[in-house]
Amino acid sequence: MLCTTQSGLDARRTPAQDDASPLREEFRRPEPWREDLEALRSLLQDSRPVEPTRGEIAALIEDEAPGALPRRARERIAERLAATLRRRLA
């Protein structure tokens, strides 16, 4: 709430001082549950398993059978496996 201390062009606006001001300050502070929610969200993110990358999967395929598959075939297989893992971990 604003109150005018003078009238006319030189009027200044200042915040009104009344008993409701301290209460309004409380509403301006962020809700404590929001901090709890952010902490919980962070905890959940940290607890999710890390999925292997396509490159890691392709390297594992090559390690198992060196030279058995062309690079493009390894990449396609790795992409399909990574997509399957993403669906299962989601």
PDB file of N, CA and C in Angstrom:
ATOM      1  N   MET A   1       0.845  -1.157   0.000  1.00  0.00           N
ATOM      2  CA  MET A   1       0.000   0.000   0.000  1.00  0.00           C
ATOM      3  C   MET A   1       0.895   1.224   0.000  1.00  0.00           C
ATOM      4  N   LEU A   2       0.535   2.236  -0.773  1.00  0.00           N
ATOM      5  CA  LEU A   2       1.292   3.478  -0.846  1.00  0.00           C
ATOM      6  C   LEU A   2       0.454   4.603  -0.274  1.00  0.00           C
ATOM      7  N   CYS A   3       1.121   5.561   0.326  1.00  0.00           N
ATOM      8  CA  CYS A   3       0.399   6.745   0.774  1.00  0.00           C
ATOM      9  C   CYS A   3       1.121   7.970   0.237  1.00  0.00           C
ATOM     10  N   THR A   4       0.373   9.021  -0.004  1.00  0.00           N
ATOM     11  CA  THR A   4       0.930  10.252  -0.540  1.00  0.00           C
ATOM     12  C   THR A   4       1.130  11.228   0.606  1.00  0.00           C
ATOM     13  N   THR A   5       2.343  11.792   0.698  1.00  0.00           N
ATOM     14  CA  THR A   5       2.629  12.723   1.788  1.00  0.00           C
ATOM     15  C   THR A   5       2.333  14.161   1.412  1.00  0.00           C
ATOM     16  N   GLN A   6       2.253  14.463   0.133  1.00  0.00           N
ATOM     17  CA  GLN A   6       1.914  15.807  -0.329  1.00  0.00           C
ATOM     18  C   GLN A   6       0.982  15.678  -1.514  1.00  0.00           C
ATOM     19  N   SER A   7       0.347  16.755  -1.854  1.00  0.00           N
ATOM     20  CA  SER A   7      -0.499  16.706  -3.034  1.00  0.00           C
ATOM     21  C   SER A   7       0.144  17.523  -4.142  1.00  0.00           C
ATOM     22  N   GLY A   8      -0.298  17.312  -5.354  1.00  0.00           N
ATOM     23  CA  GLY A   8       0.228  18.076  -6.475  1.00  0.00           C
ATOM     24  C   GLY A   8       1.378  17.364  -7.152  1.00  0.00           C
ATOM     25  N   LEU A   9       2.152  18.130  -7.947  1.00  0.00           N
ATOM     26  CA  LEU A   9       3.250  17.545  -8.715  1.00  0.00           C
ATOM     27  C   LEU A   9       4.410  17.092  -7.846  1.00  0.00           C
ATOM     28  N   ASP A  10       4.569  17.694  -6.671  1.00  0.00           N
ATOM     29  CA  ASP A  10       5.681  17.337  -5.787  1.00  0.00           C
ATOM     30  C   ASP A  10       5.343  16.183  -4.845  1.00  0.00           C
ATOM     31  N   ALA A  11       4.261  15.525  -5.082  1.00  0.00           N
ATOM     32  CA  ALA A  11       3.834  14.448  -4.187  1.00  0.00           C
ATOM     33  C   ALA A  11       4.835  13.295  -4.242  1.00  0.00           C
ATOM     34  N   ARG A  12       5.163  12.776  -3.080  1.00  0.00           N
ATOM     35  CA  ARG A  12       6.064  11.623  -2.977  1.00  0.00           C
ATOM     36  C   ARG A  12       5.263  10.423  -2.506  1.00  0.00           C
ATOM     37  N   ARG A  13       5.617   9.298  -3.038  1.00  0.00           N
ATOM     38  CA  ARG A  13       4.950   8.076  -2.600  1.00  0.00           C
ATOM     39  C   ARG A  13       5.899   7.307  -1.700  1.00  0.00           C
ATOM     40  N   THR A  14       5.404   6.880  -0.587  1.00  0.00           N
ATOM     41  CA  THR A  14       6.195   6.083   0.343  1.00  0.00           C
ATOM     42  C   THR A  14       5.343   4.903   0.789  1.00  0.00           C
ATOM     43  N   PRO A  15       5.970   3.807   1.139  1.00  0.00           N
ATOM     44  CA  PRO A  15       5.195   2.672   1.626  1.00  0.00           C
ATOM     45  C   PRO A  15       4.454   3.046   2.901  1.00  0.00           C
ATOM     46  N   ALA A  16       3.227   2.639   3.001  1.00  0.00           N
ATOM     47  CA  ALA A  16       2.431   2.925   4.190  1.00  0.00           C
ATOM     48  C   ALA A  16       2.935   2.072   5.341  1.00  0.00           C
ATOM     49  N   GLN A  17       2.956   2.619   6.506  1.00  0.00           N
ATOM     50  CA  GLN A  17       3.369   1.907   7.707  1.00  0.00           C
ATOM     51  C   GLN A  17       2.117   1.548   8.495  1.00  0.00           C
ATOM     52  N   ASP A  18       1.822   0.281   8.557  1.00  0.00           N
ATOM     53  CA  ASP A  18       0.690  -0.150   9.364  1.00  0.00           C
ATOM     54  C   ASP A  18       1.013  -1.509   9.969  1.00  0.00           C
ATOM     55  N   ASP A  19       0.094  -2.050  10.710  1.00  0.00           N
ATOM     56  CA  ASP A  19       0.336  -3.308  11.412  1.00  0.00           C
ATOM     57  C   ASP A  19       0.471  -4.499  10.470  1.00  0.00           C
ATOM     58  N   ALA A  20       0.000  -4.380   9.248  1.00  0.00           N
ATOM     59  CA  ALA A  20       0.035  -5.508   8.315  1.00  0.00           C
ATOM     60  C   ALA A  20       1.409  -5.697   7.667  1.00  0.00           C
ATOM     61  N   SER A  21       2.285  -4.717   7.747  1.00  0.00           N
ATOM     62  CA  SER A  21       3.587  -4.807   7.078  1.00  0.00           C
ATOM     63  C   SER A  21       4.409  -6.020   7.496  1.00  0.00           C
ATOM     64  N   PRO A  22       4.564  -6.318   8.796  1.00  0.00           N
ATOM     65  CA  PRO A  22       5.362  -7.498   9.151  1.00  0.00           C
ATOM     66  C   PRO A  22       4.774  -8.789   8.579  1.00  0.00           C
ATOM     67  N   LEU A  23       3.458  -8.882   8.549  1.00  0.00           N
ATOM     68  CA  LEU A  23       2.823 -10.067   8.010  1.00  0.00           C
ATOM     69  C   LEU A  23       3.117 -10.213   6.520  1.00  0.00           C
ATOM     70  N   ARG A  24       3.099  -9.118   5.802  1.00  0.00           N
ATOM     71  CA  ARG A  24       3.374  -9.162   4.374  1.00  0.00           C
ATOM     72  C   ARG A  24       4.814  -9.587   4.102  1.00  0.00           C
ATOM     73  N   GLU A  25       5.738  -9.224   4.964  1.00  0.00           N
ATOM     74  CA  GLU A  25       7.133  -9.650   4.803  1.00  0.00           C
ATOM     75  C   GLU A  25       7.233 -11.168   4.857  1.00  0.00           C
ATOM     76  N   GLU A  26       6.426 -11.787   5.717  1.00  0.00           N
ATOM     77  CA  GLU A  26       6.456 -13.244   5.813  1.00  0.00           C
ATOM     78  C   GLU A  26       6.065 -13.889   4.492  1.00  0.00           C
ATOM     79  N   PHE A  27       5.127 -13.293   3.788  1.00  0.00           N
ATOM     80  CA  PHE A  27       4.681 -13.862   2.522  1.00  0.00           C
ATOM     81  C   PHE A  27       5.708 -13.672   1.418  1.00  0.00           C
ATOM     82  N   ARG A  28       6.615 -12.754   1.572  1.00  0.00           N
ATOM     83  CA  ARG A  28       7.640 -12.528   0.548  1.00  0.00           C
ATOM     84  C   ARG A  28       8.763 -13.549   0.636  1.00  0.00           C
ATOM     85  N   ARG A  29       8.944 -14.137   1.801  1.00  0.00           N
ATOM     86  CA  ARG A  29       9.983 -15.150   1.960  1.00  0.00           C
ATOM     87  C   ARG A  29       9.575 -16.419   1.225  1.00  0.00           C
ATOM     88  N   PRO A  30      10.555 -17.122   0.627  1.00  0.00           N
ATOM     89  CA  PRO A  30      10.199 -18.371  -0.051  1.00  0.00           C
ATOM     90  C   PRO A  30       9.676 -19.388   0.967  1.00  0.00           C
ATOM     91  N   GLU A  31       8.758 -20.198   0.525  1.00  0.00           N
ATOM     92  CA  GLU A  31       8.180 -21.203   1.409  1.00  0.00           C
ATOM     93  C   GLU A  31       9.247 -22.231   1.766  1.00  0.00           C
ATOM     94  N   PRO A  32       9.300 -22.652   3.028  1.00  0.00           N
ATOM     95  CA  PRO A  32      10.325 -23.626   3.438  1.00  0.00           C
ATOM     96  C   PRO A  32      10.194 -24.962   2.705  1.00  0.00           C
ATOM     97  N   TRP A  33       8.981 -25.337   2.331  1.00  0.00           N
ATOM     98  CA  TRP A  33       8.807 -26.617   1.647  1.00  0.00           C
ATOM     99  C   TRP A  33       9.462 -26.617   0.279  1.00  0.00           C
ATOM    100  N   ARG A  34       9.657 -25.433  -0.335  1.00  0.00           N
ATOM    101  CA  ARG A  34      10.314 -25.391  -1.647  1.00  0.00           C
ATOM    102  C   ARG A  34      11.767 -25.852  -1.535  1.00  0.00           C
ATOM    103  N   GLU A  35      12.432 -25.474  -0.450  1.00  0.00           N
ATOM    104  CA  GLU A  35      13.811 -25.924  -0.243  1.00  0.00           C
ATOM    105  C   GLU A  35      13.842 -27.442  -0.059  1.00  0.00           C
ATOM    106  N   ASP A  36      12.864 -27.968   0.688  1.00  0.00           N
ATOM    107  CA  ASP A  36      12.783 -29.418   0.873  1.00  0.00           C
ATOM    108  C   ASP A  36      12.545 -30.121  -0.459  1.00  0.00           C
ATOM    109  N   LEU A  37      11.692 -29.535  -1.286  1.00  0.00           N
ATOM    110  CA  LEU A  37      11.397 -30.118  -2.589  1.00  0.00           C
ATOM    111  C   LEU A  37      12.642 -30.145  -3.473  1.00  0.00           C
ATOM    112  N   GLU A  38      13.417 -29.065  -3.458  1.00  0.00           N
ATOM    113  CA  GLU A  38      14.653 -29.025  -4.251  1.00  0.00           C
ATOM    114  C   GLU A  38      15.659 -30.054  -3.743  1.00  0.00           C
ATOM    115  N   ALA A  39      15.759 -30.205  -2.423  1.00  0.00           N
ATOM    116  CA  ALA A  39      16.680 -31.197  -1.855  1.00  0.00           C
ATOM    117  C   ALA A  39      16.254 -32.610  -2.253  1.00  0.00           C
ATOM    118  N   LEU A  40      14.952 -32.872  -2.217  1.00  0.00           N
ATOM    119  CA  LEU A  40      14.444 -34.183  -2.613  1.00  0.00           C
ATOM    120  C   LEU A  40      14.692 -34.442  -4.095  1.00  0.00           C
ATOM    121  N   ARG A  41      14.465 -33.433  -4.926  1.00  0.00           N
ATOM    122  CA  ARG A  41      14.696 -33.578  -6.363  1.00  0.00           C
ATOM    123  C   ARG A  41      16.170 -33.897  -6.632  1.00  0.00           C
ATOM    124  N   SER A  42      17.061 -33.215  -5.932  1.00  0.00           N
ATOM    125  CA  SER A  42      18.494 -33.455  -6.097  1.00  0.00           C
ATOM    126  C   SER A  42      18.864 -34.876  -5.654  1.00  0.00           C
ATOM    127  N   LEU A  43      18.287 -35.301  -4.540  1.00  0.00           N
ATOM    128  CA  LEU A  43      18.546 -36.652  -4.039  1.00  0.00           C
ATOM    129  C   LEU A  43      18.088 -37.709  -5.039  1.00  0.00           C
ATOM    130  N   LEU A  44      16.921 -37.507  -5.625  1.00  0.00           N
ATOM    131  CA  LEU A  44      16.413 -38.460  -6.611  1.00  0.00           C
ATOM    132  C   LEU A  44      17.295 -38.502  -7.850  1.00  0.00           C
ATOM    133  N   GLN A  45      17.760 -37.347  -8.299  1.00  0.00           N
ATOM    134  CA  GLN A  45      18.646 -37.307  -9.471  1.00  0.00           C
ATOM    135  C   GLN A  45      19.924 -38.085  -9.190  1.00  0.00           C
ATOM    136  N   ASP A  46      20.481 -37.898  -7.988  1.00  0.00           N
ATOM    137  CA  ASP A  46      21.727 -38.576  -7.637  1.00  0.00           C
ATOM    138  C   ASP A  46      21.543 -40.083  -7.495  1.00  0.00           C
ATOM    139  N   SER A  47      20.334 -40.531  -7.164  1.00  0.00           N
ATOM    140  CA  SER A  47      20.116 -41.959  -6.942  1.00  0.00           C
ATOM    141  C   SER A  47      19.806 -42.715  -8.232  1.00  0.00           C
ATOM    142  N   ARG A  48      19.569 -42.000  -9.318  1.00  0.00           N
ATOM    143  CA  ARG A  48      19.283 -42.674 -10.588  1.00  0.00           C
ATOM    144  C   ARG A  48      20.548 -43.330 -11.125  1.00  0.00           C
ATOM    145  N   PRO A  49      20.404 -44.535 -11.655  1.00  0.00           N
ATOM    146  CA  PRO A  49      21.585 -45.198 -12.213  1.00  0.00           C
ATOM    147  C   PRO A  49      22.082 -44.458 -13.448  1.00  0.00           C
ATOM    148  N   VAL A  50      23.381 -44.470 -13.610  1.00  0.00           N
ATOM    149  CA  VAL A  50      23.990 -43.820 -14.767  1.00  0.00           C
ATOM    150  C   VAL A  50      23.956 -44.806 -15.927  1.00  0.00           C
ATOM    151  N   GLU A  51      23.374 -44.380 -17.027  1.00  0.00           N
ATOM    152  CA  GLU A  51      23.287 -45.277 -18.181  1.00  0.00           C
ATOM    153  C   GLU A  51      24.538 -45.155 -19.035  1.00  0.00           C
ATOM    154  N   PRO A  52      24.979 -46.267 -19.615  1.00  0.00           N
ATOM    155  CA  PRO A  52      26.173 -46.207 -20.464  1.00  0.00           C
ATOM    156  C   PRO A  52      25.889 -45.436 -21.753  1.00  0.00           C
ATOM    157  N   THR A  53      26.922 -44.828 -22.293  1.00  0.00           N
ATOM    158  CA  THR A  53      26.780 -44.094 -23.550  1.00  0.00           C
ATOM    159  C   THR A  53      26.855 -45.068 -24.720  1.00  0.00           C
ATOM    160  N   ARG A  54      26.443 -44.586 -25.882  1.00  0.00           N
ATOM    161  CA  ARG A  54      26.541 -45.419 -27.093  1.00  0.00           C
ATOM    162  C   ARG A  54      27.983 -45.813 -27.352  1.00  0.00           C
ATOM    163  N   GLY A  55      28.903 -44.878 -27.140  1.00  0.00           N
ATOM    164  CA  GLY A  55      30.319 -45.167 -27.362  1.00  0.00           C
ATOM    165  C   GLY A  55      30.835 -46.266 -26.443  1.00  0.00           C
ATOM    166  N   GLU A  56      30.403 -46.229 -25.181  1.00  0.00           N
ATOM    167  CA  GLU A  56      30.823 -47.270 -24.238  1.00  0.00           C
ATOM    168  C   GLU A  56      30.268 -48.633 -24.643  1.00  0.00           C
ATOM    169  N   ILE A  57      29.015 -48.650 -25.077  1.00  0.00           N
ATOM    170  CA  ILE A  57      28.410 -49.917 -25.507  1.00  0.00           C
ATOM    171  C   ILE A  57      29.125 -50.452 -26.748  1.00  0.00           C
ATOM    172  N   ALA A  58      29.400 -49.576 -27.708  1.00  0.00           N
ATOM    173  CA  ALA A  58      30.101 -49.996 -28.928  1.00  0.00           C
ATOM    174  C   ALA A  58      31.493 -50.534 -28.596  1.00  0.00           C
ATOM    175  N   ALA A  59      32.171 -49.902 -27.636  1.00  0.00           N
ATOM    176  CA  ALA A  59      33.501 -50.368 -27.234  1.00  0.00           C
ATOM    177  C   ALA A  59      33.420 -51.745 -26.575  1.00  0.00           C
ATOM    178  N   LEU A  60      32.380 -51.976 -25.779  1.00  0.00           N
ATOM    179  CA  LEU A  60      32.203 -53.293 -25.161  1.00  0.00           C
ATOM    180  C   LEU A  60      31.967 -54.373 -26.213  1.00  0.00           C
ATOM    181  N   ILE A  61      31.172 -54.037 -27.225  1.00  0.00           N
ATOM    182  CA  ILE A  61      30.922 -54.998 -28.316  1.00  0.00           C
ATOM    183  C   ILE A  61      32.235 -55.334 -29.024  1.00  0.00           C
ATOM    184  N   GLU A  62      33.028 -54.325 -29.304  1.00  0.00           N
ATOM    185  CA  GLU A  62      34.314 -54.543 -29.987  1.00  0.00           C
ATOM    186  C   GLU A  62      35.258 -55.353 -29.108  1.00  0.00           C
ATOM    187  N   ASP A  63      35.259 -55.105 -27.797  1.00  0.00           N
ATOM    188  CA  ASP A  63      36.121 -55.866 -26.887  1.00  0.00           C
ATOM    189  C   ASP A  63      35.743 -57.347 -26.856  1.00  0.00           C
ATOM    190  N   GLU A  64      34.453 -57.637 -26.958  1.00  0.00           N
ATOM    191  CA  GLU A  64      33.991 -59.028 -26.918  1.00  0.00           C
ATOM    192  C   GLU A  64      34.361 -59.790 -28.183  1.00  0.00           C
ATOM    193  N   ALA A  65      34.277 -59.120 -29.309  1.00  0.00           N
ATOM    194  CA  ALA A  65      34.559 -59.795 -30.582  1.00  0.00           C
ATOM    195  C   ALA A  65      35.314 -58.836 -31.487  1.00  0.00           C
ATOM    196  N   PRO A  66      36.628 -58.689 -31.250  1.00  0.00           N
ATOM    197  CA  PRO A  66      37.405 -57.734 -32.032  1.00  0.00           C
ATOM    198  C   PRO A  66      37.321 -58.012 -33.536  1.00  0.00           C
ATOM    199  N   GLY A  67      36.926 -56.994 -34.279  1.00  0.00           N
ATOM    200  CA  GLY A  67      36.882 -57.089 -35.729  1.00  0.00           C
ATOM    201  C   GLY A  67      35.715 -57.885 -36.297  1.00  0.00           C
ATOM    202  N   ALA A  68      34.848 -58.434 -35.453  1.00  0.00           N
ATOM    203  CA  ALA A  68      33.753 -59.273 -35.945  1.00  0.00           C
ATOM    204  C   ALA A  68      32.661 -58.460 -36.632  1.00  0.00           C
ATOM    205  N   LEU A  69      32.494 -57.219 -36.214  1.00  0.00           N
ATOM    206  CA  LEU A  69      31.443 -56.371 -36.793  1.00  0.00           C
ATOM    207  C   LEU A  69      32.043 -55.069 -37.301  1.00  0.00           C
ATOM    208  N   PRO A  70      31.534 -54.567 -38.409  1.00  0.00           N
ATOM    209  CA  PRO A  70      31.992 -53.255 -38.871  1.00  0.00           C
ATOM    210  C   PRO A  70      31.578 -52.162 -37.871  1.00  0.00           C
ATOM    211  N   ARG A  71      32.291 -51.065 -37.912  1.00  0.00           N
ATOM    212  CA  ARG A  71      32.036 -49.952 -36.991  1.00  0.00           C
ATOM    213  C   ARG A  71      30.577 -49.502 -37.030  1.00  0.00           C
ATOM    214  N   ARG A  72      30.002 -49.342 -38.230  1.00  0.00           N
ATOM    215  CA  ARG A  72      28.607 -48.883 -38.366  1.00  0.00           C
ATOM    216  C   ARG A  72      27.639 -49.861 -37.699  1.00  0.00           C
ATOM    217  N   ALA A  73      27.898 -51.156 -37.827  1.00  0.00           N
ATOM    218  CA  ALA A  73      27.026 -52.159 -37.198  1.00  0.00           C
ATOM    219  C   ALA A  73      27.107 -52.056 -35.679  1.00  0.00           C
ATOM    220  N   ARG A  74      28.335 -51.886 -35.157  1.00  0.00           N
ATOM    221  CA  ARG A  74      28.496 -51.715 -33.706  1.00  0.00           C
ATOM    222  C   ARG A  74      27.743 -50.487 -33.221  1.00  0.00           C
ATOM    223  N   GLU A  75      27.812 -49.388 -33.984  1.00  0.00           N
ATOM    224  CA  GLU A  75      27.124 -48.158 -33.597  1.00  0.00           C
ATOM    225  C   GLU A  75      25.602 -48.344 -33.602  1.00  0.00           C
ATOM    226  N   ARG A  76      25.078 -49.053 -34.603  1.00  0.00           N
ATOM    227  CA  ARG A  76      23.626 -49.298 -34.655  1.00  0.00           C
ATOM    228  C   ARG A  76      23.177 -50.149 -33.466  1.00  0.00           C
ATOM    229  N   ILE A  77      23.929 -51.197 -33.175  1.00  0.00           N
ATOM    230  CA  ILE A  77      23.596 -52.064 -32.039  1.00  0.00           C
ATOM    231  C   ILE A  77      23.672 -51.264 -30.740  1.00  0.00           C
ATOM    232  N   ALA A  78      24.712 -50.458 -30.609  1.00  0.00           N
ATOM    233  CA  ALA A  78      24.876 -49.645 -29.404  1.00  0.00           C
ATOM    234  C   ALA A  78      23.711 -48.672 -29.243  1.00  0.00           C
ATOM    235  N   GLU A  79      23.264 -48.057 -30.328  1.00  0.00           N
ATOM    236  CA  GLU A  79      22.132 -47.125 -30.267  1.00  0.00           C
ATOM    237  C   GLU A  79      20.866 -47.844 -29.813  1.00  0.00           C
ATOM    238  N   ARG A  80      20.627 -49.019 -30.358  1.00  0.00           N
ATOM    239  CA  ARG A  80      19.431 -49.777 -29.979  1.00  0.00           C
ATOM    240  C   ARG A  80      19.482 -50.199 -28.516  1.00  0.00           C
ATOM    241  N   LEU A  81      20.643 -50.651 -28.056  1.00  0.00           N
ATOM    242  CA  LEU A  81      20.779 -51.036 -26.646  1.00  0.00           C
ATOM    243  C   LEU A  81      20.612 -49.827 -25.723  1.00  0.00           C
ATOM    244  N   ALA A  82      21.193 -48.700 -26.097  1.00  0.00           N
ATOM    245  CA  ALA A  82      21.068 -47.485 -25.283  1.00  0.00           C
ATOM    246  C   ALA A  82      19.608 -47.044 -25.198  1.00  0.00           C
ATOM    247  N   ALA A  83      18.877 -47.119 -26.304  1.00  0.00           N
ATOM    248  CA  ALA A  83      17.457 -46.745 -26.301  1.00  0.00           C
ATOM    249  C   ALA A  83      16.653 -47.681 -25.403  1.00  0.00           C
ATOM    250  N   THR A  84      16.969 -48.970 -25.456  1.00  0.00           N
ATOM    251  CA  THR A  84      16.279 -49.937 -24.599  1.00  0.00           C
ATOM    252  C   THR A  84      16.549 -49.640 -23.132  1.00  0.00           C
ATOM    253  N   LEU A  85      17.799 -49.355 -22.801  1.00  0.00           N
ATOM    254  CA  LEU A  85      18.145 -49.034 -21.415  1.00  0.00           C
ATOM    255  C   LEU A  85      17.448 -47.760 -20.945  1.00  0.00           C
ATOM    256  N   ARG A  86      17.388 -46.747 -21.802  1.00  0.00           N
ATOM    257  CA  ARG A  86      16.709 -45.497 -21.427  1.00  0.00           C
ATOM    258  C   ARG A  86      15.240 -45.752 -21.097  1.00  0.00           C
ATOM    259  N   ARG A  87      14.590 -46.570 -21.912  1.00  0.00           N
ATOM    260  CA  ARG A  87      13.167 -46.866 -21.662  1.00  0.00           C
ATOM    261  C   ARG A  87      12.992 -47.611 -20.346  1.00  0.00           C
ATOM    262  N   ARG A  88      13.874 -48.526 -20.067  1.00  0.00           N
ATOM    263  CA  ARG A  88      13.739 -49.322 -18.840  1.00  0.00           C
ATOM    264  C   ARG A  88      14.098 -48.525 -17.590  1.00  0.00           C
ATOM    265  N   LEU A  89      15.021 -47.589 -17.718  1.00  0.00           N
ATOM    266  CA  LEU A  89      15.439 -46.800 -16.559  1.00  0.00           C
ATOM    267  C   LEU A  89      14.534 -45.598 -16.313  1.00  0.00           C
ATOM    268  N   ALA A  90      13.712 -45.262 -17.281  1.00  0.00           N
ATOM    269  CA  ALA A  90      12.844 -44.077 -17.136  1.00  0.00           C
ATOM    270  C   ALA A  90      11.674 -44.355 -16.225  1.00  0.00           C
TER     271      ALA A  90
END
